[in-house]
C-alpha atoms as a PDB file:
ATOM      1  CA  MET A   1     128.395  82.689 117.214  1.00  0.00           C
ATOM      2  CA  LYS A   2     129.308  86.262 116.868  1.00  0.00           C
ATOM      3  CA  LEU A   3     127.015  89.039 118.349  1.00  0.00           C
ATOM      4  CA  PRO A   4     125.874  90.745 114.991  1.00  0.00           C
ATOM      5  CA  LYS A   5     124.785  87.484 113.636  1.00  0.00           C
ATOM      6  CA  LEU A   6     122.882  86.443 116.569  1.00  0.00           C
ATOM      7  CA  LEU A   7     121.300  89.893 116.889  1.00  0.00           C
ATOM      8  CA  SER A   8     120.320  89.538 113.220  1.00  0.00           C
ATOM      9  CA  LEU A   9     118.783  85.905 113.966  1.00  0.00           C
ATOM     10  CA  MET A  10     116.848  87.377 116.915  1.00  0.00           C
ATOM     11  CA  ALA A  11     115.314  90.260 114.730  1.00  0.00           C
ATOM     12  CA  VAL A  12     114.265  87.543 112.197  1.00  0.00           C
ATOM     13  CA  ALA A  13     112.464  85.560 114.799  1.00  0.00           C
ATOM     14  CA  LEU A  14     110.844  88.690 116.288  1.00  0.00           C
ATOM     15  CA  ALA A  15     109.563  89.816 112.855  1.00  0.00           C
ATOM     16  CA  ILE A  16     108.155  86.310 112.350  1.00  0.00           C
ATOM     17  CA  THR A  17     106.370  86.306 115.718  1.00  0.00           C
ATOM     18  CA  SER A  18     104.956  89.764 115.069  1.00  0.00           C
ATOM     19  CA  PHE A  19     103.724  88.865 111.675  1.00  0.00           C
ATOM     20  CA  LYS A  20     101.926  85.773 113.239  1.00  0.00           C
ATOM     21  CA  THR A  21     100.320  87.959 115.805  1.00  0.00           C
ATOM     22  CA  ILE A  22      99.199  90.523 113.126  1.00  0.00           C
ATOM     23  CA  THR A  23      97.853  87.915 110.751  1.00  0.00           C
ATOM     24  CA  SER A  24      95.721  86.056 113.585  1.00  0.00           C
ATOM     25  CA  ASP A  25      94.519  89.185 115.464  1.00  0.00           C
ATOM     26  CA  SER A  26      94.168  91.812 112.565  1.00  0.00           C
ATOM     27  CA  LYS A  27      90.721  92.397 111.142  1.00  0.00           C
ATOM     28  CA  ILE A  28      92.561  93.902 107.993  1.00  0.00           C
ATOM     29  CA  VAL A  29      94.152  90.519 107.231  1.00  0.00           C
ATOM     30  CA  THR A  30      91.073  88.706 108.348  1.00  0.00           C
ATOM     31  CA  PRO A  31      87.944  90.626 107.717  1.00  0.00           C
ATOM     32  CA  SER A  32      84.712  90.146 109.913  1.00  0.00           C
ATOM     33  CA  ARG A  33      82.149  88.301 108.276  1.00  0.00           C
ATOM     34  CA  GLU A  34      78.989  90.435 107.850  1.00  0.00           C
ATOM     35  CA  PHE A  35      75.370  89.407 108.672  1.00  0.00           C
ATOM     36  CA  TYR A  36      72.456  89.892 106.305  1.00  0.00           C
ATOM     37  CA  GLN A  37      68.756  90.117 106.800  1.00  0.00           C
ATOM     38  CA  LEU A  38      66.391  89.334 103.918  1.00  0.00           C
ATOM     39  CA  LYS A  39      63.059  90.827 104.551  1.00  0.00           C
ATOM     40  CA  THR A  40      60.274  89.835 102.107  1.00  0.00           C
ATOM     41  CA  TYR A  41      56.996  91.950 102.251  1.00  0.00           C
ATOM     42  CA  ILE A  42      54.000  90.024 100.799  1.00  0.00           C
ATOM     43  CA  PHE A  43      51.135  92.149  99.430  1.00  0.00           C
ATOM     44  CA  LYS A  44      47.504  91.371  98.461  1.00  0.00           C
ATOM     45  CA  THR A  45      46.530  94.727  97.072  1.00  0.00           C
ATOM     46  CA  GLU A  46      48.215  97.560  95.248  1.00  0.00           C
ATOM     47  CA  GLN A  47      47.463  99.845  97.984  1.00  0.00           C
ATOM     48  CA  GLN A  48      49.570  97.760 100.332  1.00  0.00           C
ATOM     49  CA  GLU A  49      52.703  97.793  97.884  1.00  0.00           C
ATOM     50  CA  GLN A  50      52.483 101.621  97.326  1.00  0.00           C
ATOM     51  CA  THR A  51      52.222 102.131 101.217  1.00  0.00           C
ATOM     52  CA  THR A  52      55.067 100.067 101.779  1.00  0.00           C
ATOM     53  CA  ASP A  53      57.099 101.537  98.745  1.00  0.00           C
ATOM     54  CA  LYS A  54      56.749 104.696 100.281  1.00  0.00           C
ATOM     55  CA  PHE A  55      57.738 103.738 103.644  1.00  0.00           C
ATOM     56  CA  LEU A  56      60.951 102.113 102.552  1.00  0.00           C
ATOM     57  CA  LYS A  57      61.768 104.849 100.324  1.00  0.00           C
ATOM     58  CA  GLU A  58      61.234 107.953 102.425  1.00  0.00           C
ATOM     59  CA  ALA A  59      61.747 106.466 105.919  1.00  0.00           C
ATOM     60  CA  TYR A  60      63.328 103.151 106.316  1.00  0.00           C
ATOM     61  CA  LEU A  61      66.239 103.412 104.126  1.00  0.00           C
ATOM     62  CA  PRO A  62      66.986 107.148 105.344  1.00  0.00           C
ATOM     63  CA  GLY A  63      66.777 105.874 108.960  1.00  0.00           C
ATOM     64  CA  LEU A  64      69.063 102.828 108.287  1.00  0.00           C
ATOM     65  CA  ASN A  65      71.493 105.277 106.481  1.00  0.00           C
ATOM     66  CA  LYS A  66      71.463 107.577 109.549  1.00  0.00           C
ATOM     67  CA  LEU A  67      72.635 104.600 111.720  1.00  0.00           C
ATOM     68  CA  GLY A  68      75.588 104.029 109.291  1.00  0.00           C
ATOM     69  CA  ILE A  69      73.815 101.283 107.631  1.00  0.00           C
ATOM     70  CA  LYS A  70      74.687 101.353 103.807  1.00  0.00           C
ATOM     71  CA  ASN A  71      74.257  99.472 100.605  1.00  0.00           C
ATOM     72  CA  ILE A  72      70.753  98.305 101.073  1.00  0.00           C
ATOM     73  CA  GLY A  73      69.062  96.472  98.231  1.00  0.00           C
ATOM     74  CA  VAL A  74      65.298  96.803  97.638  1.00  0.00           C
ATOM     75  CA  PHE A  75      64.029  94.464  94.762  1.00  0.00           C
ATOM     76  CA  LYS A  76      60.785  93.385  93.114  1.00  0.00           C
ATOM     77  CA  LEU A  77      60.009  90.196  91.245  1.00  0.00           C
ATOM     78  CA  LYS A  78      60.592  89.775  87.621  1.00  0.00           C
ATOM     79  CA  PRO A  79      57.036  89.183  85.896  1.00  0.00           C
ATOM     80  CA  ASN A  80      56.158  85.496  86.653  1.00  0.00           C
ATOM     81  CA  ALA A  81      52.944  83.870  85.486  1.00  0.00           C
ATOM     82  CA  THR A  82      53.052  81.348  88.165  1.00  0.00           C
ATOM     83  CA  ASP A  83      53.102  83.843  91.088  1.00  0.00           C
ATOM     84  CA  SER A  84      50.235  85.979  91.638  1.00  0.00           C
ATOM     85  CA  LEU A  85      51.464  87.456  94.956  1.00  0.00           C
ATOM     86  CA  LYS A  86      53.344  90.805  94.801  1.00  0.00           C
ATOM     87  CA  LYS A  87      56.544  91.021  96.807  1.00  0.00           C
ATOM     88  CA  ILE A  88      59.235  93.507  97.821  1.00  0.00           C
ATOM     89  CA  ILE A  89      62.626  91.992  99.155  1.00  0.00           C
ATOM     90  CA  VAL A  90      64.929  94.097 101.149  1.00  0.00           C
ATOM     91  CA  LEU A  91      68.598  93.030 101.729  1.00  0.00           C
ATOM     92  CA  ILE A  92      70.203  94.848 104.829  1.00  0.00           C
ATOM     93  CA  PRO A  93      73.851  94.231 105.729  1.00  0.00           C
ATOM     94  CA  PHE A  94      75.012  94.409 109.323  1.00  0.00           C
ATOM     95  CA  SER A  95      78.336  94.540 110.664  1.00  0.00           C
ATOM     96  CA  SER A  96      77.376  92.480 113.838  1.00  0.00           C
ATOM     97  CA  LEU A  97      74.564  90.632 115.500  1.00  0.00           C
ATOM     98  CA  SER A  98      74.411  93.472 117.953  1.00  0.00           C
ATOM     99  CA  GLN A  99      73.798  96.063 115.224  1.00  0.00           C
ATOM    100  CA  PHE A 100      70.788  93.882 113.845  1.00  0.00           C
ATOM    101  CA  LEU A 101      69.244  93.487 117.377  1.00  0.00           C
ATOM    102  CA  ARG A 102      69.367  96.889 118.395  1.00  0.00           C
ATOM    103  CA  LEU A 103      67.935  98.301 115.003  1.00  0.00           C
ATOM    104  CA  GLU A 104      64.251  98.586 115.910  1.00  0.00           C
ATOM    105  CA  GLU A 105      65.144 100.174 119.228  1.00  0.00           C
ATOM    106  CA  LYS A 106      67.168 102.927 117.668  1.00  0.00           C
ATOM    107  CA  LEU A 107      64.640 103.625 114.856  1.00  0.00           C
ATOM    108  CA  ALA A 108      61.999 104.204 117.428  1.00  0.00           C
ATOM    109  CA  LYS A 109      64.002 107.054 118.816  1.00  0.00           C
ATOM    110  CA  ASP A 110      64.402 108.620 115.358  1.00  0.00           C
ATOM    111  CA  LYS A 111      61.734 111.468 114.964  1.00  0.00           C
ATOM    112  CA  THR A 112      62.306 112.094 111.268  1.00  0.00           C
ATOM    113  CA  TYR A 113      61.799 108.270 110.733  1.00  0.00           C
ATOM    114  CA  LEU A 114      58.756 108.273 112.706  1.00  0.00           C
ATOM    115  CA  THR A 115      57.215 111.259 110.931  1.00  0.00           C
ATOM    116  CA  ALA A 116      58.111 110.396 107.466  1.00  0.00           C
ATOM    117  CA  GLY A 117      56.889 106.728 108.007  1.00  0.00           C
ATOM    118  CA  ALA A 118      53.674 107.538 109.813  1.00  0.00           C
ATOM    119  CA  ASP A 119      51.232 106.214 107.406  1.00  0.00           C
ATOM    120  CA  TYR A 120      53.088 102.773 107.568  1.00  0.00           C
ATOM    121  CA  LEU A 121      53.867 102.704 111.185  1.00  0.00           C
ATOM    122  CA  ASN A 122      50.426 103.844 112.407  1.00  0.00           C
ATOM    123  CA  ALA A 123      48.371 101.681 110.050  1.00  0.00           C
ATOM    124  CA  THR A 124      45.192 100.094 111.426  1.00  0.00           C
ATOM    125  CA  TYR A 125      44.418  96.390 111.225  1.00  0.00           C
ATOM    126  CA  LYS A 126      41.937  97.013 108.737  1.00  0.00           C
ATOM    127  CA  GLN A 127      44.380  98.825 106.570  1.00  0.00           C
ATOM    128  CA  ALA A 128      47.552  96.760 106.943  1.00  0.00           C
ATOM    129  CA  PRO A 129      50.363  97.841 104.663  1.00  0.00           C
ATOM    130  CA  TYR A 130      51.176  94.142 103.762  1.00  0.00           C
ATOM    131  CA  ALA A 131      49.749  90.629 104.340  1.00  0.00           C
ATOM    132  CA  ARG A 132      52.975  89.184 105.877  1.00  0.00           C
ATOM    133  CA  ILE A 133      56.664  89.811 106.410  1.00  0.00           C
ATOM    134  CA  GLU A 134      59.089  86.832 106.095  1.00  0.00           C
ATOM    135  CA  SER A 135      62.694  87.214 107.392  1.00  0.00           C
ATOM    136  CA  VAL A 136      65.751  85.199 106.920  1.00  0.00           C
ATOM    137  CA  LEU A 137      69.180  85.849 108.971  1.00  0.00           C
ATOM    138  CA  LEU A 138      72.378  84.922 107.330  1.00  0.00           C
ATOM    139  CA  LYS A 139      76.061  84.992 108.004  1.00  0.00           C
ATOM    140  CA  ALA A 140      78.540  85.750 105.214  1.00  0.00           C
ATOM    141  CA  PHE A 141      80.800  82.947 103.588  1.00  0.00           C
ATOM    142  CA  ALA A 142      84.325  82.750 104.837  1.00  0.00           C
ATOM    143  CA  ASP A 143      85.579  83.410 101.401  1.00  0.00           C
ATOM    144  CA  HIS A 144      83.204  86.317 100.533  1.00  0.00           C
ATOM    145  CA  PRO A 145      82.967  87.994 103.946  1.00  0.00           C
ATOM    146  CA  MET A 146      81.727  91.416 102.892  1.00  0.00           C
ATOM    147  CA  MET A 147      79.077  92.585 100.575  1.00  0.00           C
ATOM    148  CA  THR A 148      80.062  93.503  97.117  1.00  0.00           C
ATOM    149  CA  THR A 149      77.871  96.184  95.167  1.00  0.00           C
ATOM    150  CA  PRO A 150      77.632  95.299  91.360  1.00  0.00           C
ATOM    151  CA  ALA A 151      78.672  97.713  88.763  1.00  0.00           C
ATOM    152  CA  LEU A 152      75.933  97.564  86.148  1.00  0.00           C
ATOM    153  CA  ASN A 153      74.933 100.456  83.778  1.00  0.00           C
ATOM    154  CA  SER A 154      71.930  98.860  82.062  1.00  0.00           C
ATOM    155  CA  PRO A 155      68.602 100.061  82.914  1.00  0.00           C
ATOM    156  CA  ARG A 156      67.067  98.879  86.337  1.00  0.00           C
ATOM    157  CA  ALA A 157      64.146  97.419  84.867  1.00  0.00           C
ATOM    158  CA  ASN A 158      66.268  95.293  82.528  1.00  0.00           C
ATOM    159  CA  ARG A 159      68.830  93.919  85.150  1.00  0.00           C
ATOM    160  CA  VAL A 160      68.592  90.420  86.573  1.00  0.00           C
ATOM    161  CA  TYR A 161      69.406  89.915  90.199  1.00  0.00           C
ATOM    162  CA  GLU A 162      69.255  86.212  90.652  1.00  0.00           C
ATOM    163  CA  LEU A 163      68.634  85.218  94.300  1.00  0.00           C
ATOM    164  CA  ARG A 164      69.370  81.334  94.875  1.00  0.00           C
ATOM    165  CA  SER A 165      68.525  79.167  97.881  1.00  0.00           C
ATOM    166  CA  TYR A 166      70.292  75.712  98.193  1.00  0.00           C
ATOM    167  CA  GLU A 167      68.734  73.333 100.801  1.00  0.00           C
ATOM    168  CA  SER A 168      70.522  70.158 101.857  1.00  0.00           C
ATOM    169  CA  ALA A 169      69.267  67.120 103.362  1.00  0.00           C
ATOM    170  CA  THR A 170      71.113  67.206 106.648  1.00  0.00           C
ATOM    171  CA  GLU A 171      73.520  69.820 108.505  1.00  0.00           C
ATOM    172  CA  ALA A 172      76.602  67.836 107.725  1.00  0.00           C
ATOM    173  CA  ILE A 173      75.680  67.646 103.978  1.00  0.00           C
ATOM    174  CA  TYR A 174      74.778  71.351 104.166  1.00  0.00           C
ATOM    175  CA  LYS A 175      78.285  72.182 105.460  1.00  0.00           C
ATOM    176  CA  ASN A 176      79.803  70.086 102.743  1.00  0.00           C
ATOM    177  CA  LYS A 177      77.892  72.356 100.042  1.00  0.00           C
ATOM    178  CA  VAL A 178      79.257  75.555 101.846  1.00  0.00           C
ATOM    179  CA  ASP A 179      82.666  73.871 101.725  1.00  0.00           C
ATOM    180  CA  MET A 180      82.295  73.462  97.817  1.00  0.00           C
ATOM    181  CA  PHE A 181      81.859  77.195  97.639  1.00  0.00           C
ATOM    182  CA  ASN A 182      84.680  77.971  99.804  1.00  0.00           C
ATOM    183  CA  ALA A 183      87.618  75.498  99.617  1.00  0.00           C
ATOM    184  CA  GLY A 184      86.057  73.797  96.471  1.00  0.00           C
ATOM    185  CA  GLY A 185      86.412  76.938  94.414  1.00  0.00           C
ATOM    186  CA  GLU A 186      83.003  77.690  93.343  1.00  0.00           C
ATOM    187  CA  ILE A 187      83.149  81.322  94.450  1.00  0.00           C
ATOM    188  CA  LYS A 188      86.433  81.515  92.636  1.00  0.00           C
ATOM    189  CA  LEU A 189      84.673  80.546  89.443  1.00  0.00           C
ATOM    190  CA  PHE A 190      82.119  82.817  89.994  1.00  0.00           C
ATOM    191  CA  ASP A 191      84.360  85.716  90.367  1.00  0.00           C
ATOM    192  CA  ARG A 192      86.519  84.447  87.249  1.00  0.00           C
ATOM    193  CA  LEU A 193      83.323  84.489  85.059  1.00  0.00           C
ATOM    194  CA  ALA A 194      82.324  87.956  86.366  1.00  0.00           C
ATOM    195  CA  TYR A 195      79.073  87.073  87.866  1.00  0.00           C
ATOM    196  CA  ASN A 196      79.024  90.202  89.963  1.00  0.00           C
ATOM    197  CA  PRO A 197      78.026  88.534  93.047  1.00  0.00           C
ATOM    198  CA  VAL A 198      76.466  90.430  96.052  1.00  0.00           C
ATOM    199  CA  PHE A 199      76.542  88.175  98.793  1.00  0.00           C
ATOM    200  CA  TYR A 200      76.900  84.400  99.683  1.00  0.00           C
ATOM    201  CA  GLY A 201      75.389  83.459 103.078  1.00  0.00           C
ATOM    202  CA  GLU A 202      74.844  80.759 105.451  1.00  0.00           C
ATOM    203  CA  VAL A 203      71.232  80.761 106.771  1.00  0.00           C
ATOM    204  CA  ILE A 204      71.327  80.910 110.656  1.00  0.00           C
ATOM    205  CA  SER A 205      67.657  81.517 111.142  1.00  0.00           C
ATOM    206  CA  GLY A 206      64.810  80.998 108.500  1.00  0.00           C
ATOM    207  CA  ALA A 207      61.863  78.955 107.581  1.00  0.00           C
ATOM    208  CA  LYS A 208      63.928  76.603 105.374  1.00  0.00           C
ATOM    209  CA  MET A 209      66.937  75.016 107.018  1.00  0.00           C
ATOM    210  CA  PRO A 210      69.700  73.810 106.530  1.00  0.00           C
ATOM    211  CA  ASN A 211      70.288  76.112 103.478  1.00  0.00           C
ATOM    212  CA  LEU A 212      72.604  78.621 101.956  1.00  0.00           C
ATOM    213  CA  MET A 213      71.686  81.541  99.872  1.00  0.00           C
ATOM    214  CA  TYR A 214      73.585  83.897  97.504  1.00  0.00           C
ATOM    215  CA  MET A 215      72.829  86.713  94.912  1.00  0.00           C
ATOM    216  CA  THR A 216      74.417  87.290  91.481  1.00  0.00           C
ATOM    217  CA  THR A 217      73.683  90.205  89.116  1.00  0.00           C
ATOM    218  CA  PHE A 218      73.412  90.698  85.450  1.00  0.00           C
ATOM    219  CA  ALA A 219      73.056  93.339  82.801  1.00  0.00           C
ATOM    220  CA  ASP A 220      69.991  91.644  81.470  1.00  0.00           C
ATOM    221  CA  GLN A 221      68.405  88.250  80.904  1.00  0.00           C
ATOM    222  CA  GLU A 222      70.643  87.302  77.898  1.00  0.00           C
ATOM    223  CA  SER A 223      73.936  88.063  79.903  1.00  0.00           C
ATOM    224  CA  ARG A 224      72.629  85.999  82.856  1.00  0.00           C
ATOM    225  CA  ASP A 225      71.840  83.107  80.308  1.00  0.00           C
ATOM    226  CA  ALA A 226      75.191  83.373  78.717  1.00  0.00           C
ATOM    227  CA  HIS A 227      77.016  83.597  82.215  1.00  0.00           C
ATOM    228  CA  TRP A 228      75.267  80.260  83.338  1.00  0.00           C
ATOM    229  CA  LYS A 229      76.215  78.565  80.174  1.00  0.00           C
ATOM    230  CA  ALA A 230      80.043  79.340  80.552  1.00  0.00           C
ATOM    231  CA  PHE A 231      79.775  78.266  84.229  1.00  0.00           C
ATOM    232  CA  VAL A 232      78.229  74.723  83.195  1.00  0.00           C
ATOM    233  CA  ASP A 233      80.779  74.362  80.513  1.00  0.00           C
ATOM    234  CA  SER A 234      83.749  75.368  82.435  1.00  0.00           C
ATOM    235  CA  PRO A 235      86.469  72.727  83.509  1.00  0.00           C
ATOM    236  CA  GLU A 236      86.290  73.781  87.030  1.00  0.00           C
ATOM    237  CA  TRP A 237      82.679  72.960  87.370  1.00  0.00           C
ATOM    238  CA  LYS A 238      83.118  69.864  85.434  1.00  0.00           C
ATOM    239  CA  GLY A 239      86.015  68.863  87.746  1.00  0.00           C
ATOM    240  CA  LEU A 240      83.873  69.943  91.085  1.00  0.00           C
ATOM    241  CA  ILE A 241      80.835  67.906  90.255  1.00  0.00           C
ATOM    242  CA  ALA A 242      82.922  64.931  89.241  1.00  0.00           C
ATOM    243  CA  MET A 243      84.305  64.854  92.720  1.00  0.00           C
ATOM    244  CA  GLU A 244      82.791  61.948  94.789  1.00  0.00           C
ATOM    245  CA  LYS A 245      82.809  64.015  98.122  1.00  0.00           C
ATOM    246  CA  TYR A 246      80.595  66.700  96.627  1.00  0.00           C
ATOM    247  CA  LYS A 247      77.748  64.268  95.438  1.00  0.00           C
ATOM    248  CA  ASN A 248      74.311  64.800  96.456  1.00  0.00           C
ATOM    249  CA  ASN A 249      74.760  67.753  98.608  1.00  0.00           C
ATOM    250  CA  ILE A 250      71.811  69.847  97.447  1.00  0.00           C
ATOM    251  CA  SER A 251      68.141  68.474  97.908  1.00  0.00           C
ATOM    252  CA  HIS A 252      66.347  71.623  96.724  1.00  0.00           C
ATOM    253  CA  ILE A 253      66.907  74.672  94.812  1.00  0.00           C
ATOM    254  CA  ASP A 254      64.850  77.934  94.790  1.00  0.00           C
ATOM    255  CA  ILE A 255      65.625  80.558  92.006  1.00  0.00           C
ATOM    256  CA  THR A 256      64.153  83.976  92.273  1.00  0.00           C
ATOM    257  CA  PHE A 257      64.625  86.623  89.430  1.00  0.00           C
ATOM    258  CA  LEU A 258      64.614  90.202  90.883  1.00  0.00           C
ATOM    259  CA  TYR A 259      64.980  93.766  89.536  1.00  0.00           C
ATOM    260  CA  PRO A 260      65.986  96.620  91.621  1.00  0.00           C
ATOM    261  CA  THR A 261      63.664  99.660  92.615  1.00  0.00           C
ATOM    262  CA  ASP A 262      64.592 103.137  91.648  1.00  0.00           C
ATOM    263  CA  TYR A 263      65.572 103.915  95.313  1.00  0.00           C
ATOM    264  CA  SER A 264      67.567 100.747  95.904  1.00  0.00           C
ATOM    265  CA  ASP A 265      71.399 101.501  96.732  1.00  0.00           C
ATOM    266  CA  TYR A 266      72.285  99.162  93.695  1.00  0.00           C
END
């Protein structure tokens, strides 16, 4: 074999090897999967809700922003005659579990945060700013590893942010449903139909497990209903639900309709 040809082949082989290394090691090619905390504040009185609203707007979100945590969603429930409790749901993205675990420690050193949130942080047991806080920790899906903030121009009070929780009978069946979103193409279908998804997440710690949760967003209720009709009628969905391997992979569904507060990041 002539030397120029040999050198050419060696260069190609080196390029292939380098590409494999970049593909396997580079975070650009394979983005890290975010973690999310869903914090639900539950209130018994209007005063509790007002105190927590003020804390979130003036202390908590600015404090998180100073730590480099952006795109924080703050939502309230759409009016629902069957739910008498008032709630605020906060969605916080984290780049790592370490960032999540160190959050409270860092906030406790922020004097501006402590001053702005004093009414909430120093509340007495007789004037607690909430009845309870519920928390769910999630890891982003492989096929949607980073949060996407929706581009909606409708009034915030009219928007519908749909939070869904899908429970499965066993861990193995739950993994099958996650696979249906990723490899099965359910996420791709949501993207094709412009569902404006914020996140898809595997619940790694929460009161209801095994389960997954995700949030999609719409300009208003009419848009939401039209999108779901298009989803159900789509050939992709009809093909998915006809597949034997994806049968009976959900045992319970919770659907919560939300709208963003005026100080929510989206």
